[in-house]
Amino acid sequence: MPYALPMKNDLWNYEIKARDKGYQCVAGVDEAGRGPLAGPVVAAAVILPLSASLQGLDDSKKLSEKKREELFPKIQTEAIAYGVAIVNRQVIDDINILQATRLAMKQAVEKLGSVPDLLLIDGNQKIESSLDQWAIVKGDAKSFSIAAASVLAKVTRDHLMEENHRKYPQYEFAQHKGYGTKQHRQLIAQHGPCPIHRRTFKGVKEYL
């Protein structure tokens, strides 16, 4: 008999499909921070029970900062297991942002307290792992587990950038979180790059 949870929303479709195919432990994997000019890339992996109740959970980009902060501890409490990995600016510059993102995702999966038998990965790139994987484009808007991972990654990264704001207040990292806003680009032009700026990114390397 197919596994079905009629009270769940469409974000559970991939998890239910995985159960129908015999997978018992599914982890969602997502990242935050591929595009910014400064700071790390952060990835999270989350295993949720199908009984999880996380009202309002969605792709982190669609949620307000207040809602993400509200969901952050709830996801950690409800999760069977979760892992978060941080890959810093130096590694991003050494191996490029795509490979750094894949590395962060791999490390996040390795930090899970339980070993999943399937990974649901946001995007079109699989990671270096012997585990079965489904790469899902825009998965953070299609999978409850990936959406949860996106919130953990985004909030963790935002907190790190707020810490960096205190170290380098002249760049206003608390406001733009390192993304290439007009304000941020003007501050780089004015002050030059700081240690957390990505040296290989356009918008930074011309000021080195």
N, C-alpha and C. Protein backbone atom coordinates (compact mmCIF):
# COMPACT_ATOMS: atom_id res chain seq x y z
N MET A 1 0.85 -1.20 0.00
CA MET A 1 0.00 0.00 0.00
C MET A 1 0.88 1.24 0.00
N PRO A 2 0.68 2.20 -0.91
CA PRO A 2 1.54 3.38 -0.97
C PRO A 2 1.48 4.19 0.32
N TYR A 3 2.63 4.72 0.70
CA TYR A 3 2.71 5.57 1.89
C TYR A 3 2.16 6.94 1.54
N ALA A 4 1.17 7.40 2.27
CA ALA A 4 0.57 8.70 1.96
C ALA A 4 0.20 9.41 3.25
N LEU A 5 0.39 10.71 3.26
CA LEU A 5 0.02 11.53 4.40
C LEU A 5 -0.87 12.67 3.88
N PRO A 6 -2.19 12.46 3.83
CA PRO A 6 -3.06 13.45 3.21
C PRO A 6 -3.05 14.81 3.87
N MET A 7 -2.63 14.86 5.13
CA MET A 7 -2.61 16.16 5.81
C MET A 7 -1.37 16.98 5.47
N LYS A 8 -0.39 16.38 4.82
CA LYS A 8 0.84 17.09 4.49
C LYS A 8 0.65 17.93 3.23
N ASN A 9 1.49 18.97 3.08
CA ASN A 9 1.40 19.77 1.86
C ASN A 9 2.31 19.19 0.78
N ASP A 10 2.32 19.84 -0.38
CA ASP A 10 3.06 19.30 -1.53
C ASP A 10 4.57 19.22 -1.29
N LEU A 11 5.08 19.93 -0.30
CA LEU A 11 6.52 19.89 -0.04
C LEU A 11 6.98 18.51 0.44
N TRP A 12 6.06 17.65 0.80
CA TRP A 12 6.42 16.30 1.22
C TRP A 12 6.46 15.30 0.06
N ASN A 13 6.15 15.74 -1.16
CA ASN A 13 6.01 14.79 -2.27
C ASN A 13 7.25 13.95 -2.50
N TYR A 14 8.44 14.58 -2.45
CA TYR A 14 9.66 13.82 -2.71
C TYR A 14 9.96 12.84 -1.58
N GLU A 15 9.69 13.25 -0.35
CA GLU A 15 9.91 12.36 0.78
C GLU A 15 8.98 11.16 0.71
N ILE A 16 7.71 11.38 0.34
CA ILE A 16 6.75 10.28 0.23
C ILE A 16 7.13 9.37 -0.94
N LYS A 17 7.55 9.98 -2.04
CA LYS A 17 8.01 9.19 -3.19
C LYS A 17 9.20 8.32 -2.80
N ALA A 18 10.11 8.88 -2.01
CA ALA A 18 11.27 8.11 -1.56
C ALA A 18 10.83 6.92 -0.70
N ARG A 19 9.87 7.14 0.20
CA ARG A 19 9.37 6.04 1.02
C ARG A 19 8.72 4.97 0.15
N ASP A 20 7.97 5.40 -0.86
CA ASP A 20 7.32 4.45 -1.77
C ASP A 20 8.36 3.59 -2.49
N LYS A 21 9.55 4.13 -2.70
CA LYS A 21 10.61 3.39 -3.39
C LYS A 21 11.48 2.59 -2.42
N GLY A 22 11.14 2.63 -1.14
CA GLY A 22 11.82 1.79 -0.18
C GLY A 22 12.87 2.48 0.68
N TYR A 23 13.09 3.77 0.47
CA TYR A 23 14.05 4.49 1.30
C TYR A 23 13.44 4.78 2.67
N GLN A 24 14.21 4.56 3.70
CA GLN A 24 13.71 4.71 5.06
C GLN A 24 14.22 5.96 5.77
N CYS A 25 15.33 6.48 5.33
CA CYS A 25 15.94 7.63 6.00
C CYS A 25 16.42 8.61 4.95
N VAL A 26 15.73 9.73 4.83
CA VAL A 26 15.97 10.69 3.76
C VAL A 26 16.50 11.99 4.36
N ALA A 27 17.57 12.51 3.77
CA ALA A 27 18.15 13.79 4.23
C ALA A 27 18.01 14.84 3.13
N GLY A 28 17.56 16.02 3.49
CA GLY A 28 17.58 17.16 2.59
C GLY A 28 18.87 17.92 2.76
N VAL A 29 19.42 18.41 1.65
CA VAL A 29 20.72 19.11 1.68
C VAL A 29 20.61 20.40 0.87
N ASP A 30 21.07 21.50 1.46
CA ASP A 30 21.05 22.78 0.76
C ASP A 30 22.19 23.64 1.27
N GLU A 31 22.41 24.76 0.56
CA GLU A 31 23.50 25.67 0.92
C GLU A 31 23.01 27.10 0.95
N ALA A 32 23.82 27.96 1.53
CA ALA A 32 23.60 29.40 1.51
C ALA A 32 24.95 30.08 1.28
N GLY A 33 24.97 31.06 0.39
CA GLY A 33 26.19 31.84 0.23
C GLY A 33 27.01 31.56 -1.00
N ARG A 34 26.39 31.07 -2.06
CA ARG A 34 27.16 30.88 -3.30
C ARG A 34 27.48 32.21 -3.96
N GLY A 35 26.55 33.15 -3.92
CA GLY A 35 26.69 34.37 -4.70
C GLY A 35 27.42 35.54 -4.08
N PRO A 36 27.54 35.63 -2.75
CA PRO A 36 28.13 36.82 -2.14
C PRO A 36 29.58 37.07 -2.54
N LEU A 37 30.01 38.30 -2.33
CA LEU A 37 31.40 38.69 -2.57
C LEU A 37 32.28 38.45 -1.36
N ALA A 38 31.67 38.13 -0.23
CA ALA A 38 32.44 37.97 1.01
C ALA A 38 31.81 36.88 1.87
N GLY A 39 32.65 36.30 2.73
CA GLY A 39 32.18 35.33 3.70
C GLY A 39 32.18 33.91 3.18
N PRO A 40 31.80 32.96 4.05
CA PRO A 40 31.85 31.54 3.71
C PRO A 40 30.63 31.10 2.93
N VAL A 41 30.68 29.89 2.43
CA VAL A 41 29.49 29.18 1.97
C VAL A 41 29.16 28.17 3.06
N VAL A 42 27.88 28.07 3.38
CA VAL A 42 27.41 27.20 4.46
C VAL A 42 26.42 26.20 3.90
N ALA A 43 26.54 24.95 4.29
CA ALA A 43 25.60 23.92 3.87
C ALA A 43 25.02 23.23 5.09
N ALA A 44 23.80 22.72 4.91
CA ALA A 44 23.15 21.96 5.98
C ALA A 44 22.51 20.72 5.40
N ALA A 45 22.45 19.68 6.21
CA ALA A 45 21.75 18.45 5.88
C ALA A 45 20.79 18.15 7.04
N VAL A 46 19.57 17.77 6.71
CA VAL A 46 18.54 17.57 7.74
C VAL A 46 17.75 16.30 7.44
N ILE A 47 17.58 15.48 8.46
CA ILE A 47 16.69 14.33 8.40
C ILE A 47 15.50 14.64 9.29
N LEU A 48 14.31 14.71 8.70
CA LEU A 48 13.09 15.00 9.46
C LEU A 48 12.20 13.76 9.50
N PRO A 49 11.49 13.56 10.61
CA PRO A 49 10.47 12.52 10.62
C PRO A 49 9.28 13.00 9.79
N LEU A 50 8.54 12.08 9.19
CA LEU A 50 7.37 12.48 8.41
C LEU A 50 6.26 13.04 9.30
N SER A 51 6.45 12.92 10.61
CA SER A 51 5.49 13.51 11.55
C SER A 51 5.85 14.95 11.91
N ALA A 52 6.94 15.47 11.36
CA ALA A 52 7.41 16.82 11.73
C ALA A 52 6.33 17.86 11.45
N SER A 53 6.18 18.77 12.39
CA SER A 53 5.22 19.87 12.23
C SER A 53 5.98 21.18 12.33
N LEU A 54 6.22 21.80 11.20
CA LEU A 54 6.98 23.05 11.15
C LEU A 54 6.16 24.06 10.37
N GLN A 55 5.23 24.68 11.07
CA GLN A 55 4.26 25.56 10.43
C GLN A 55 4.96 26.70 9.69
N GLY A 56 4.63 26.84 8.40
CA GLY A 56 5.17 27.95 7.62
C GLY A 56 6.50 27.67 6.97
N LEU A 57 7.04 26.45 7.13
CA LEU A 57 8.35 26.16 6.52
C LEU A 57 8.25 26.22 5.00
N ASP A 58 9.23 26.88 4.40
CA ASP A 58 9.30 27.02 2.94
C ASP A 58 10.73 27.32 2.59
N ASP A 59 11.00 27.47 1.30
CA ASP A 59 12.29 27.94 0.83
C ASP A 59 12.70 29.16 1.65
N SER A 60 13.91 29.13 2.21
CA SER A 60 14.34 30.21 3.11
C SER A 60 14.30 31.58 2.44
N LYS A 61 14.48 31.61 1.12
CA LYS A 61 14.48 32.90 0.41
C LYS A 61 13.08 33.53 0.40
N LYS A 62 12.06 32.71 0.61
CA LYS A 62 10.69 33.22 0.61
C LYS A 62 10.23 33.65 2.00
N LEU A 63 11.03 33.36 3.00
CA LEU A 63 10.65 33.65 4.39
C LEU A 63 11.29 34.94 4.88
N SER A 64 10.62 35.61 5.78
CA SER A 64 11.20 36.79 6.42
C SER A 64 12.31 36.35 7.37
N GLU A 65 13.19 37.28 7.69
CA GLU A 65 14.24 36.98 8.66
C GLU A 65 13.64 36.52 9.99
N LYS A 66 12.57 37.16 10.41
CA LYS A 66 11.92 36.79 11.68
C LYS A 66 11.42 35.35 11.63
N LYS A 67 10.81 34.96 10.50
CA LYS A 67 10.29 33.59 10.39
C LYS A 67 11.42 32.58 10.34
N ARG A 68 12.50 32.89 9.64
CA ARG A 68 13.65 31.98 9.62
C ARG A 68 14.21 31.77 11.02
N GLU A 69 14.34 32.86 11.77
CA GLU A 69 14.88 32.76 13.12
C GLU A 69 13.94 31.96 14.02
N GLU A 70 12.65 32.08 13.77
CA GLU A 70 11.67 31.32 14.55
C GLU A 70 11.77 29.83 14.25
N LEU A 71 11.94 29.50 12.98
CA LEU A 71 12.00 28.10 12.56
C LEU A 71 13.32 27.42 12.91
N PHE A 72 14.39 28.19 12.99
CA PHE A 72 15.74 27.64 13.17
C PHE A 72 15.82 26.67 14.35
N PRO A 73 15.43 27.07 15.59
CA PRO A 73 15.53 26.11 16.70
C PRO A 73 14.48 25.01 16.61
N LYS A 74 13.34 25.29 15.98
CA LYS A 74 12.31 24.26 15.86
C LYS A 74 12.77 23.13 14.95
N ILE A 75 13.46 23.48 13.86
CA ILE A 75 13.99 22.46 12.97
C ILE A 75 15.01 21.60 13.71
N GLN A 76 15.89 22.24 14.48
CA GLN A 76 16.90 21.50 15.23
C GLN A 76 16.25 20.55 16.24
N THR A 77 15.15 20.99 16.85
CA THR A 77 14.45 20.17 17.84
C THR A 77 13.72 19.00 17.19
N GLU A 78 13.06 19.25 16.07
CA GLU A 78 12.23 18.22 15.43
C GLU A 78 13.05 17.23 14.60
N ALA A 79 14.24 17.64 14.16
CA ALA A 79 15.04 16.79 13.28
C ALA A 79 15.48 15.51 13.98
N ILE A 80 15.49 14.42 13.23
CA ILE A 80 16.12 13.20 13.71
C ILE A 80 17.63 13.42 13.81
N ALA A 81 18.15 14.14 12.84
CA ALA A 81 19.57 14.50 12.82
C ALA A 81 19.76 15.69 11.89
N TYR A 82 20.79 16.48 12.17
CA TYR A 82 21.15 17.56 11.25
C TYR A 82 22.65 17.81 11.34
N GLY A 83 23.21 18.33 10.26
CA GLY A 83 24.62 18.69 10.23
C GLY A 83 24.79 19.98 9.47
N VAL A 84 25.71 20.80 9.92
CA VAL A 84 26.00 22.09 9.27
C VAL A 84 27.50 22.18 9.05
N ALA A 85 27.88 22.61 7.85
CA ALA A 85 29.31 22.73 7.51
C ALA A 85 29.58 24.11 6.93
N ILE A 86 30.75 24.64 7.23
CA ILE A 86 31.16 25.97 6.80
C ILE A 86 32.47 25.85 6.04
N VAL A 87 32.48 26.37 4.82
CA VAL A 87 33.71 26.41 4.02
C VAL A 87 34.10 27.86 3.81
N ASN A 88 35.29 28.20 4.24
CA ASN A 88 35.66 29.61 4.31
C ASN A 88 36.12 30.20 2.98
N ARG A 89 36.35 31.48 3.02
CA ARG A 89 36.72 32.24 1.83
C ARG A 89 37.98 31.71 1.17
N GLN A 90 38.97 31.33 1.95
CA GLN A 90 40.23 30.85 1.38
C GLN A 90 40.01 29.60 0.51
N VAL A 91 39.19 28.68 1.01
CA VAL A 91 38.92 27.46 0.24
C VAL A 91 38.12 27.80 -1.01
N ILE A 92 37.15 28.70 -0.89
CA ILE A 92 36.37 29.13 -2.06
C ILE A 92 37.31 29.65 -3.15
N ASP A 93 38.27 30.48 -2.77
CA ASP A 93 39.20 31.03 -3.75
C ASP A 93 40.14 29.97 -4.30
N ASP A 94 40.46 28.96 -3.48
CA ASP A 94 41.39 27.92 -3.93
C ASP A 94 40.75 26.94 -4.91
N ILE A 95 39.49 26.57 -4.69
CA ILE A 95 38.92 25.48 -5.49
C ILE A 95 37.70 25.91 -6.31
N ASN A 96 37.27 27.12 -6.21
CA ASN A 96 36.13 27.77 -6.87
C ASN A 96 34.83 27.52 -6.09
N ILE A 97 33.85 28.36 -6.31
CA ILE A 97 32.65 28.35 -5.48
C ILE A 97 31.80 27.10 -5.70
N LEU A 98 31.76 26.57 -6.92
CA LEU A 98 30.98 25.36 -7.16
C LEU A 98 31.54 24.20 -6.35
N GLN A 99 32.86 23.99 -6.44
CA GLN A 99 33.48 22.89 -5.71
C GLN A 99 33.42 23.12 -4.21
N ALA A 100 33.53 24.36 -3.78
CA ALA A 100 33.43 24.66 -2.35
C ALA A 100 32.02 24.36 -1.83
N THR A 101 31.02 24.65 -2.65
CA THR A 101 29.64 24.35 -2.26
C THR A 101 29.42 22.85 -2.16
N ARG A 102 29.91 22.10 -3.13
CA ARG A 102 29.78 20.64 -3.09
C ARG A 102 30.52 20.06 -1.88
N LEU A 103 31.67 20.64 -1.56
CA LEU A 103 32.43 20.20 -0.39
C LEU A 103 31.65 20.47 0.89
N ALA A 104 31.05 21.66 1.00
CA ALA A 104 30.27 22.00 2.19
C ALA A 104 29.10 21.04 2.36
N MET A 105 28.43 20.71 1.26
CA MET A 105 27.31 19.77 1.32
C MET A 105 27.78 18.40 1.78
N LYS A 106 28.89 17.95 1.22
CA LYS A 106 29.46 16.64 1.61
C LYS A 106 29.78 16.63 3.11
N GLN A 107 30.40 17.69 3.60
CA GLN A 107 30.75 17.76 5.01
C GLN A 107 29.52 17.82 5.91
N ALA A 108 28.48 18.52 5.45
CA ALA A 108 27.24 18.59 6.23
C ALA A 108 26.61 17.21 6.37
N VAL A 109 26.60 16.44 5.28
CA VAL A 109 26.06 15.08 5.32
C VAL A 109 26.89 14.22 6.28
N GLU A 110 28.20 14.38 6.25
CA GLU A 110 29.08 13.59 7.11
C GLU A 110 28.90 13.93 8.59
N LYS A 111 28.34 15.11 8.87
CA LYS A 111 28.13 15.53 10.27
C LYS A 111 26.79 15.06 10.83
N LEU A 112 25.96 14.45 9.99
CA LEU A 112 24.69 13.91 10.48
C LEU A 112 24.94 12.83 11.53
N GLY A 113 24.13 12.81 12.56
CA GLY A 113 24.27 11.77 13.58
C GLY A 113 23.76 10.42 13.12
N SER A 114 22.95 10.41 12.07
CA SER A 114 22.44 9.18 11.48
C SER A 114 22.86 9.12 10.01
N VAL A 115 23.00 7.92 9.49
CA VAL A 115 23.39 7.77 8.08
C VAL A 115 22.13 7.60 7.23
N PRO A 116 21.83 8.55 6.35
CA PRO A 116 20.65 8.41 5.50
C PRO A 116 20.90 7.41 4.38
N ASP A 117 19.81 6.90 3.79
CA ASP A 117 19.98 6.04 2.61
C ASP A 117 19.62 6.76 1.32
N LEU A 118 19.19 8.05 1.44
CA LEU A 118 18.95 8.86 0.26
C LEU A 118 19.18 10.33 0.59
N LEU A 119 19.85 11.04 -0.32
CA LEU A 119 20.03 12.48 -0.19
C LEU A 119 19.16 13.18 -1.22
N LEU A 120 18.40 14.17 -0.77
CA LEU A 120 17.68 15.08 -1.66
C LEU A 120 18.48 16.37 -1.69
N ILE A 121 19.11 16.66 -2.83
CA ILE A 121 20.05 17.77 -2.91
C ILE A 121 19.48 18.90 -3.76
N ASP A 122 19.53 20.10 -3.22
CA ASP A 122 19.06 21.25 -3.98
C ASP A 122 20.00 21.53 -5.16
N GLY A 123 19.43 21.71 -6.35
CA GLY A 123 20.25 22.05 -7.51
C GLY A 123 20.37 20.89 -8.48
N ASN A 124 21.30 21.04 -9.41
CA ASN A 124 21.48 20.00 -10.44
C ASN A 124 22.81 19.27 -10.30
N GLN A 125 23.50 19.47 -9.17
CA GLN A 125 24.81 18.84 -8.96
C GLN A 125 24.74 17.86 -7.80
N LYS A 126 25.17 16.63 -8.05
CA LYS A 126 25.31 15.68 -6.96
C LYS A 126 26.65 15.91 -6.26
N ILE A 127 26.82 15.29 -5.11
CA ILE A 127 28.05 15.49 -4.35
C ILE A 127 28.85 14.19 -4.32
N GLU A 128 30.07 14.28 -3.84
CA GLU A 128 30.93 13.11 -3.73
C GLU A 128 30.50 12.27 -2.54
N SER A 129 29.72 11.24 -2.81
CA SER A 129 29.19 10.38 -1.75
C SER A 129 28.74 9.06 -2.36
N SER A 130 28.87 7.99 -1.58
CA SER A 130 28.39 6.69 -2.04
C SER A 130 26.89 6.52 -1.82
N LEU A 131 26.27 7.47 -1.13
CA LEU A 131 24.83 7.40 -0.85
C LEU A 131 24.03 7.70 -2.11
N ASP A 132 22.85 7.10 -2.22
CA ASP A 132 21.95 7.44 -3.32
C ASP A 132 21.57 8.91 -3.22
N GLN A 133 21.43 9.55 -4.38
CA GLN A 133 21.15 10.99 -4.39
C GLN A 133 20.15 11.34 -5.47
N TRP A 134 19.24 12.26 -5.15
CA TRP A 134 18.38 12.89 -6.14
C TRP A 134 18.70 14.38 -6.14
N ALA A 135 19.18 14.88 -7.26
CA ALA A 135 19.41 16.32 -7.39
C ALA A 135 18.11 16.95 -7.90
N ILE A 136 17.62 17.95 -7.17
CA ILE A 136 16.32 18.54 -7.46
C ILE A 136 16.49 20.04 -7.68
N VAL A 137 16.31 20.49 -8.91
CA VAL A 137 16.42 21.91 -9.22
C VAL A 137 15.32 22.67 -8.48
N LYS A 138 15.72 23.74 -7.80
CA LYS A 138 14.81 24.52 -6.96
C LYS A 138 14.16 23.63 -5.89
N GLY A 139 14.96 22.70 -5.40
CA GLY A 139 14.46 21.75 -4.42
C GLY A 139 14.02 22.38 -3.12
N ASP A 140 14.58 23.55 -2.78
CA ASP A 140 14.19 24.20 -1.53
C ASP A 140 12.74 24.68 -1.57
N ALA A 141 12.14 24.75 -2.76
CA ALA A 141 10.73 25.10 -2.90
C ALA A 141 9.87 23.87 -3.18
N LYS A 142 10.49 22.68 -3.22
CA LYS A 142 9.77 21.47 -3.60
C LYS A 142 9.85 20.36 -2.55
N SER A 143 10.77 20.47 -1.61
CA SER A 143 10.98 19.41 -0.63
C SER A 143 11.05 19.99 0.77
N PHE A 144 10.28 19.40 1.69
CA PHE A 144 10.26 19.86 3.08
C PHE A 144 11.64 19.74 3.71
N SER A 145 12.33 18.62 3.43
CA SER A 145 13.65 18.38 4.02
C SER A 145 14.68 19.37 3.49
N ILE A 146 14.63 19.65 2.19
CA ILE A 146 15.57 20.62 1.62
C ILE A 146 15.25 22.02 2.15
N ALA A 147 13.96 22.35 2.26
CA ALA A 147 13.58 23.66 2.81
C ALA A 147 14.12 23.83 4.22
N ALA A 148 14.04 22.77 5.02
CA ALA A 148 14.57 22.84 6.39
C ALA A 148 16.08 23.07 6.36
N ALA A 149 16.76 22.35 5.46
CA ALA A 149 18.21 22.55 5.35
C ALA A 149 18.53 23.97 4.90
N SER A 150 17.71 24.52 4.01
CA SER A 150 17.98 25.88 3.53
C SER A 150 17.88 26.88 4.66
N VAL A 151 16.94 26.68 5.58
CA VAL A 151 16.80 27.59 6.73
C VAL A 151 18.00 27.47 7.65
N LEU A 152 18.41 26.25 7.96
CA LEU A 152 19.58 26.08 8.85
C LEU A 152 20.82 26.72 8.23
N ALA A 153 21.03 26.52 6.93
CA ALA A 153 22.21 27.08 6.27
C ALA A 153 22.15 28.60 6.24
N LYS A 154 21.00 29.15 5.87
CA LYS A 154 20.85 30.60 5.74
C LYS A 154 21.02 31.30 7.08
N VAL A 155 20.36 30.81 8.11
CA VAL A 155 20.44 31.46 9.43
C VAL A 155 21.84 31.35 10.00
N THR A 156 22.46 30.19 9.85
CA THR A 156 23.85 30.03 10.32
C THR A 156 24.75 31.02 9.63
N ARG A 157 24.62 31.15 8.32
CA ARG A 157 25.48 32.08 7.58
C ARG A 157 25.20 33.53 7.96
N ASP A 158 23.94 33.87 8.11
CA ASP A 158 23.61 35.25 8.52
C ASP A 158 24.24 35.59 9.86
N HIS A 159 24.21 34.65 10.80
CA HIS A 159 24.83 34.89 12.10
C HIS A 159 26.34 35.10 11.96
N LEU A 160 26.96 34.32 11.10
CA LEU A 160 28.40 34.48 10.87
C LEU A 160 28.71 35.85 10.28
N MET A 161 27.87 36.31 9.36
CA MET A 161 28.11 37.61 8.75
C MET A 161 27.85 38.75 9.73
N GLU A 162 26.96 38.54 10.69
CA GLU A 162 26.77 39.53 11.74
C GLU A 162 28.01 39.60 12.64
N GLU A 163 28.64 38.45 12.89
CA GLU A 163 29.90 38.45 13.63
C GLU A 163 30.99 39.18 12.83
N ASN A 164 31.00 38.96 11.53
CA ASN A 164 31.98 39.66 10.69
C ASN A 164 31.72 41.16 10.64
N HIS A 165 30.48 41.55 10.78
CA HIS A 165 30.16 42.98 10.84
C HIS A 165 30.84 43.62 12.05
N ARG A 166 30.86 42.90 13.15
CA ARG A 166 31.50 43.45 14.35
C ARG A 166 33.02 43.54 14.18
N LYS A 167 33.60 42.63 13.38
CA LYS A 167 35.04 42.69 13.12
C LYS A 167 35.39 43.78 12.10
N TYR A 168 34.54 43.93 11.10
CA TYR A 168 34.81 44.85 10.00
C TYR A 168 33.59 45.75 9.77
N PRO A 169 33.29 46.63 10.73
CA PRO A 169 32.04 47.41 10.66
C PRO A 169 31.95 48.33 9.45
N GLN A 170 33.10 48.69 8.88
CA GLN A 170 33.08 49.63 7.76
C GLN A 170 32.41 49.06 6.51
N TYR A 171 32.20 47.72 6.46
CA TYR A 171 31.60 47.11 5.27
C TYR A 171 30.10 46.84 5.42
N GLU A 172 29.54 47.07 6.61
CA GLU A 172 28.10 46.92 6.85
C GLU A 172 27.60 45.50 6.52
N PHE A 173 28.38 44.48 6.90
CA PHE A 173 27.99 43.11 6.59
C PHE A 173 26.65 42.70 7.19
N ALA A 174 26.27 43.30 8.31
CA ALA A 174 25.00 42.94 8.94
C ALA A 174 23.81 43.28 8.05
N GLN A 175 23.99 44.27 7.18
CA GLN A 175 22.90 44.68 6.31
C GLN A 175 22.78 43.80 5.07
N HIS A 176 23.88 43.60 4.36
CA HIS A 176 23.80 42.91 3.07
C HIS A 176 24.34 41.49 3.09
N LYS A 177 24.91 41.06 4.22
CA LYS A 177 25.40 39.69 4.41
C LYS A 177 26.47 39.29 3.38
N GLY A 178 27.16 40.28 2.81
CA GLY A 178 28.23 39.98 1.87
C GLY A 178 27.82 39.95 0.42
N TYR A 179 26.53 40.05 0.14
CA TYR A 179 26.06 40.04 -1.25
C TYR A 179 26.49 41.33 -1.97
N GLY A 180 26.50 41.25 -3.29
CA GLY A 180 27.06 42.35 -4.08
C GLY A 180 26.09 43.50 -4.31
N THR A 181 25.55 44.05 -3.25
CA THR A 181 24.67 45.19 -3.38
C THR A 181 25.47 46.43 -3.81
N LYS A 182 24.77 47.44 -4.27
CA LYS A 182 25.43 48.68 -4.66
C LYS A 182 26.21 49.27 -3.49
N GLN A 183 25.60 49.24 -2.31
CA GLN A 183 26.26 49.76 -1.11
C GLN A 183 27.55 48.99 -0.82
N HIS A 184 27.47 47.66 -0.88
CA HIS A 184 28.64 46.85 -0.58
C HIS A 184 29.77 47.11 -1.57
N ARG A 185 29.43 47.18 -2.86
CA ARG A 185 30.44 47.43 -3.88
C ARG A 185 31.10 48.79 -3.67
N GLN A 186 30.32 49.77 -3.27
CA GLN A 186 30.89 51.09 -3.01
C GLN A 186 31.84 51.06 -1.83
N LEU A 187 31.50 50.27 -0.81
CA LEU A 187 32.36 50.17 0.37
C LEU A 187 33.66 49.43 0.06
N ILE A 188 33.59 48.43 -0.82
CA ILE A 188 34.82 47.75 -1.25
C ILE A 188 35.72 48.74 -2.01
N ALA A 189 35.10 49.52 -2.90
CA ALA A 189 35.87 50.51 -3.65
C ALA A 189 36.50 51.55 -2.72
N GLN A 190 35.80 51.88 -1.66
CA GLN A 190 36.28 52.90 -0.73
C GLN A 190 37.38 52.39 0.18
N HIS A 191 37.20 51.18 0.72
CA HIS A 191 38.12 50.66 1.75
C HIS A 191 39.07 49.58 1.24
N GLY A 192 38.79 49.05 0.03
CA GLY A 192 39.54 47.89 -0.43
C GLY A 192 39.01 46.63 0.24
N PRO A 193 39.36 45.45 -0.26
CA PRO A 193 38.86 44.19 0.32
C PRO A 193 39.43 43.93 1.71
N CYS A 194 38.64 43.26 2.53
CA CYS A 194 39.10 42.81 3.85
C CYS A 194 39.38 41.31 3.78
N PRO A 195 39.85 40.68 4.86
CA PRO A 195 40.25 39.27 4.79
C PRO A 195 39.15 38.29 4.39
N ILE A 196 37.88 38.63 4.55
CA ILE A 196 36.85 37.67 4.20
C ILE A 196 36.28 37.90 2.79
N HIS A 197 36.78 38.88 2.06
CA HIS A 197 36.32 39.08 0.69
C HIS A 197 36.93 38.02 -0.23
N ARG A 198 36.11 37.54 -1.17
CA ARG A 198 36.52 36.47 -2.07
C ARG A 198 37.38 37.05 -3.19
N ARG A 199 38.65 36.73 -3.16
CA ARG A 199 39.65 37.34 -4.06
C ARG A 199 39.41 37.03 -5.53
N THR A 200 38.74 35.91 -5.82
CA THR A 200 38.57 35.50 -7.22
C THR A 200 37.25 36.01 -7.82
N PHE A 201 36.47 36.75 -7.04
CA PHE A 201 35.17 37.22 -7.52
C PHE A 201 35.27 38.60 -8.14
N LYS A 202 34.59 38.77 -9.28
CA LYS A 202 34.47 40.10 -9.87
C LYS A 202 33.77 41.02 -8.88
N GLY A 203 34.28 42.21 -8.76
CA GLY A 203 33.76 43.13 -7.75
C GLY A 203 34.69 43.21 -6.56
N VAL A 204 35.63 42.25 -6.48
CA VAL A 204 36.63 42.25 -5.40
C VAL A 204 38.04 42.28 -6.00
N LYS A 205 38.30 41.38 -6.96
CA LYS A 205 39.68 41.20 -7.44
C LYS A 205 40.24 42.45 -8.09
N GLU A 206 39.37 43.31 -8.65
CA GLU A 206 39.88 44.53 -9.29
C GLU A 206 40.37 45.55 -8.26
N TYR A 207 40.09 45.33 -6.98
CA TYR A 207 40.54 46.26 -5.94
C TYR A 207 41.71 45.72 -5.12
N LEU A 208 42.24 44.57 -5.53
CA LEU A 208 43.38 44.00 -4.81
C LEU A 208 44.67 44.73 -5.16
